[in-house]
Amino acid sequence: MKKKTLHEINRYEDAAFPVEMYTVTKESIFPKGRGYMDLHWHEELQFTMVLGGSLQMQVDASVMP
């Protein structure tokens, strides 16, 4: 059984412009990635914009409503 790491290492098409945008719904994420429900961490800054409904997110040990 392969041990799963929580550290997500993102690979970008253009290393000079390391930006990626994901479209996430309850059913899927595009382009395919790690998975929006998986606990993980990464070096990059992450911005999240909610267009409808609600979102609960955990950052470090704090739960953000």
N, C-alpha and C. Protein backbone atom coordinates (compact mmCIF):
# COMPACT_ATOMS: atom_id res chain seq x y z
N MET A 1 0.84 -1.18 0.00
CA MET A 1 0.00 0.00 0.00
C MET A 1 0.89 1.25 0.00
N LYS A 2 0.63 2.17 -0.92
CA LYS A 2 1.42 3.39 -1.04
C LYS A 2 0.97 4.40 0.01
N LYS A 3 1.94 4.98 0.74
CA LYS A 3 1.62 5.98 1.75
C LYS A 3 1.25 7.29 1.06
N LYS A 4 0.13 7.88 1.46
CA LYS A 4 -0.34 9.12 0.87
C LYS A 4 0.24 10.30 1.67
N THR A 5 0.82 11.23 0.97
CA THR A 5 1.38 12.42 1.62
C THR A 5 0.37 13.57 1.54
N LEU A 6 0.40 14.45 2.52
CA LEU A 6 -0.50 15.60 2.52
C LEU A 6 0.09 16.77 1.75
N HIS A 7 1.39 16.71 1.45
CA HIS A 7 2.05 17.80 0.72
C HIS A 7 1.73 17.70 -0.76
N GLU A 8 1.06 18.70 -1.29
CA GLU A 8 0.72 18.72 -2.70
C GLU A 8 1.79 19.53 -3.43
N ILE A 9 2.40 18.94 -4.44
CA ILE A 9 3.40 19.62 -5.25
C ILE A 9 2.78 19.88 -6.62
N ASN A 10 2.52 21.15 -6.88
CA ASN A 10 1.87 21.53 -8.14
C ASN A 10 2.91 21.69 -9.24
N ARG A 11 2.56 21.23 -10.41
CA ARG A 11 3.42 21.38 -11.59
C ARG A 11 2.68 22.27 -12.58
N TYR A 12 3.35 23.30 -13.04
CA TYR A 12 2.72 24.29 -13.91
C TYR A 12 3.22 24.16 -15.34
N GLU A 13 2.34 24.49 -16.29
CA GLU A 13 2.73 24.46 -17.70
C GLU A 13 3.85 25.44 -17.99
N ASP A 14 3.78 26.61 -17.36
CA ASP A 14 4.78 27.66 -17.59
C ASP A 14 5.40 28.04 -16.24
N ALA A 15 6.62 27.60 -15.98
CA ALA A 15 7.28 27.87 -14.70
C ALA A 15 7.49 29.37 -14.49
N ALA A 16 7.55 30.16 -15.56
CA ALA A 16 7.73 31.60 -15.44
C ALA A 16 6.44 32.30 -14.98
N PHE A 17 5.30 31.61 -15.15
CA PHE A 17 4.00 32.16 -14.74
C PHE A 17 3.23 31.04 -14.02
N PRO A 18 3.61 30.74 -12.77
CA PRO A 18 3.04 29.59 -12.05
C PRO A 18 1.64 29.85 -11.49
N VAL A 19 0.65 29.79 -12.37
CA VAL A 19 -0.74 30.04 -11.98
C VAL A 19 -1.61 28.91 -12.54
N GLU A 20 -2.58 28.47 -11.75
CA GLU A 20 -3.53 27.45 -12.21
C GLU A 20 -4.90 27.83 -11.69
N MET A 21 -5.93 27.63 -12.48
CA MET A 21 -7.30 27.91 -12.07
C MET A 21 -8.11 26.63 -12.18
N TYR A 22 -8.86 26.32 -11.13
CA TYR A 22 -9.69 25.12 -11.10
C TYR A 22 -11.16 25.52 -11.00
N THR A 23 -12.02 24.79 -11.68
CA THR A 23 -13.46 24.93 -11.54
C THR A 23 -13.93 23.73 -10.73
N VAL A 24 -14.56 24.00 -9.59
CA VAL A 24 -14.93 22.94 -8.65
C VAL A 24 -16.43 22.95 -8.41
N THR A 25 -17.05 21.78 -8.49
CA THR A 25 -18.46 21.60 -8.12
C THR A 25 -18.52 20.50 -7.07
N LYS A 26 -19.70 20.18 -6.59
CA LYS A 26 -19.83 19.09 -5.62
C LYS A 26 -19.42 17.75 -6.23
N GLU A 27 -19.55 17.63 -7.55
CA GLU A 27 -19.29 16.36 -8.22
C GLU A 27 -17.89 16.22 -8.80
N SER A 28 -17.22 17.35 -9.13
CA SER A 28 -15.96 17.21 -9.85
C SER A 28 -15.06 18.43 -9.69
N ILE A 29 -13.84 18.28 -10.21
CA ILE A 29 -12.88 19.37 -10.28
C ILE A 29 -12.24 19.32 -11.66
N PHE A 30 -12.08 20.51 -12.29
CA PHE A 30 -11.49 20.58 -13.63
C PHE A 30 -10.48 21.72 -13.67
N PRO A 31 -9.29 21.54 -14.20
CA PRO A 31 -8.76 20.26 -14.65
C PRO A 31 -8.55 19.32 -13.47
N LYS A 32 -8.50 18.04 -13.79
CA LYS A 32 -8.40 17.02 -12.74
C LYS A 32 -7.20 17.31 -11.86
N GLY A 33 -7.43 17.27 -10.57
CA GLY A 33 -6.37 17.52 -9.59
C GLY A 33 -6.46 16.55 -8.44
N ARG A 34 -5.96 16.95 -7.33
CA ARG A 34 -5.90 16.10 -6.14
C ARG A 34 -7.28 15.75 -5.63
N GLY A 35 -8.19 16.69 -5.70
CA GLY A 35 -9.53 16.49 -5.16
C GLY A 35 -9.82 17.55 -4.13
N TYR A 36 -10.92 18.21 -4.27
CA TYR A 36 -11.20 19.36 -3.43
C TYR A 36 -11.53 19.01 -1.99
N MET A 37 -11.88 17.77 -1.69
CA MET A 37 -12.22 17.39 -0.32
C MET A 37 -11.02 16.83 0.44
N ASP A 38 -9.94 16.56 -0.24
CA ASP A 38 -8.77 15.97 0.41
C ASP A 38 -8.01 16.97 1.26
N LEU A 39 -7.65 16.56 2.46
CA LEU A 39 -6.78 17.35 3.31
C LEU A 39 -5.41 17.40 2.65
N HIS A 40 -4.86 18.61 2.47
CA HIS A 40 -3.55 18.75 1.84
C HIS A 40 -2.97 20.12 2.17
N TRP A 41 -1.72 20.30 1.85
CA TRP A 41 -1.07 21.60 1.99
C TRP A 41 -0.11 21.79 0.84
N HIS A 42 0.21 23.06 0.55
CA HIS A 42 1.14 23.37 -0.54
C HIS A 42 1.83 24.68 -0.24
N GLU A 43 2.92 24.92 -0.94
CA GLU A 43 3.72 26.12 -0.76
C GLU A 43 3.03 27.36 -1.32
N GLU A 44 2.20 27.19 -2.33
CA GLU A 44 1.61 28.31 -3.05
C GLU A 44 0.49 28.98 -2.25
N LEU A 45 0.26 30.23 -2.59
CA LEU A 45 -0.86 30.98 -2.08
C LEU A 45 -2.11 30.50 -2.82
N GLN A 46 -3.23 30.41 -2.14
CA GLN A 46 -4.46 29.95 -2.78
C GLN A 46 -5.56 30.96 -2.55
N PHE A 47 -6.24 31.35 -3.62
CA PHE A 47 -7.41 32.22 -3.54
C PHE A 47 -8.62 31.38 -3.90
N THR A 48 -9.72 31.57 -3.16
CA THR A 48 -10.94 30.82 -3.43
C THR A 48 -12.09 31.79 -3.59
N MET A 49 -12.85 31.66 -4.68
CA MET A 49 -14.00 32.51 -4.93
C MET A 49 -15.24 31.61 -5.02
N VAL A 50 -16.22 31.88 -4.18
CA VAL A 50 -17.45 31.10 -4.16
C VAL A 50 -18.51 31.88 -4.93
N LEU A 51 -19.04 31.28 -6.00
CA LEU A 51 -20.02 31.94 -6.85
C LEU A 51 -21.45 31.63 -6.45
N GLY A 52 -21.67 30.60 -5.65
CA GLY A 52 -23.01 30.25 -5.21
C GLY A 52 -22.94 29.26 -4.08
N GLY A 53 -23.93 29.29 -3.20
CA GLY A 53 -23.94 28.36 -2.09
C GLY A 53 -23.01 28.81 -0.98
N SER A 54 -22.42 27.86 -0.27
CA SER A 54 -21.54 28.20 0.84
C SER A 54 -20.35 27.25 0.85
N LEU A 55 -19.35 27.62 1.62
CA LEU A 55 -18.12 26.85 1.69
C LEU A 55 -17.59 26.90 3.11
N GLN A 56 -17.13 25.77 3.62
CA GLN A 56 -16.43 25.74 4.90
C GLN A 56 -15.03 25.24 4.63
N MET A 57 -14.04 25.98 5.12
CA MET A 57 -12.65 25.68 4.82
C MET A 57 -11.85 25.68 6.12
N GLN A 58 -10.89 24.78 6.22
CA GLN A 58 -10.01 24.75 7.39
C GLN A 58 -8.63 25.22 6.98
N VAL A 59 -8.10 26.21 7.70
CA VAL A 59 -6.76 26.73 7.47
C VAL A 59 -5.99 26.55 8.76
N ASP A 60 -4.89 25.79 8.71
CA ASP A 60 -4.18 25.38 9.92
C ASP A 60 -5.16 24.69 10.84
N ALA A 61 -5.34 25.18 12.07
CA ALA A 61 -6.26 24.52 13.00
C ALA A 61 -7.58 25.27 13.12
N SER A 62 -7.76 26.34 12.34
CA SER A 62 -8.96 27.16 12.44
C SER A 62 -9.94 26.82 11.32
N VAL A 63 -11.21 26.65 11.69
CA VAL A 63 -12.25 26.40 10.69
C VAL A 63 -12.85 27.74 10.31
N MET A 64 -12.88 28.01 8.99
CA MET A 64 -13.41 29.27 8.48
C MET A 64 -14.82 29.02 7.94
N PRO A 65 -15.83 29.73 8.45
CA PRO A 65 -17.22 29.52 7.97
C PRO A 65 -17.41 30.02 6.56
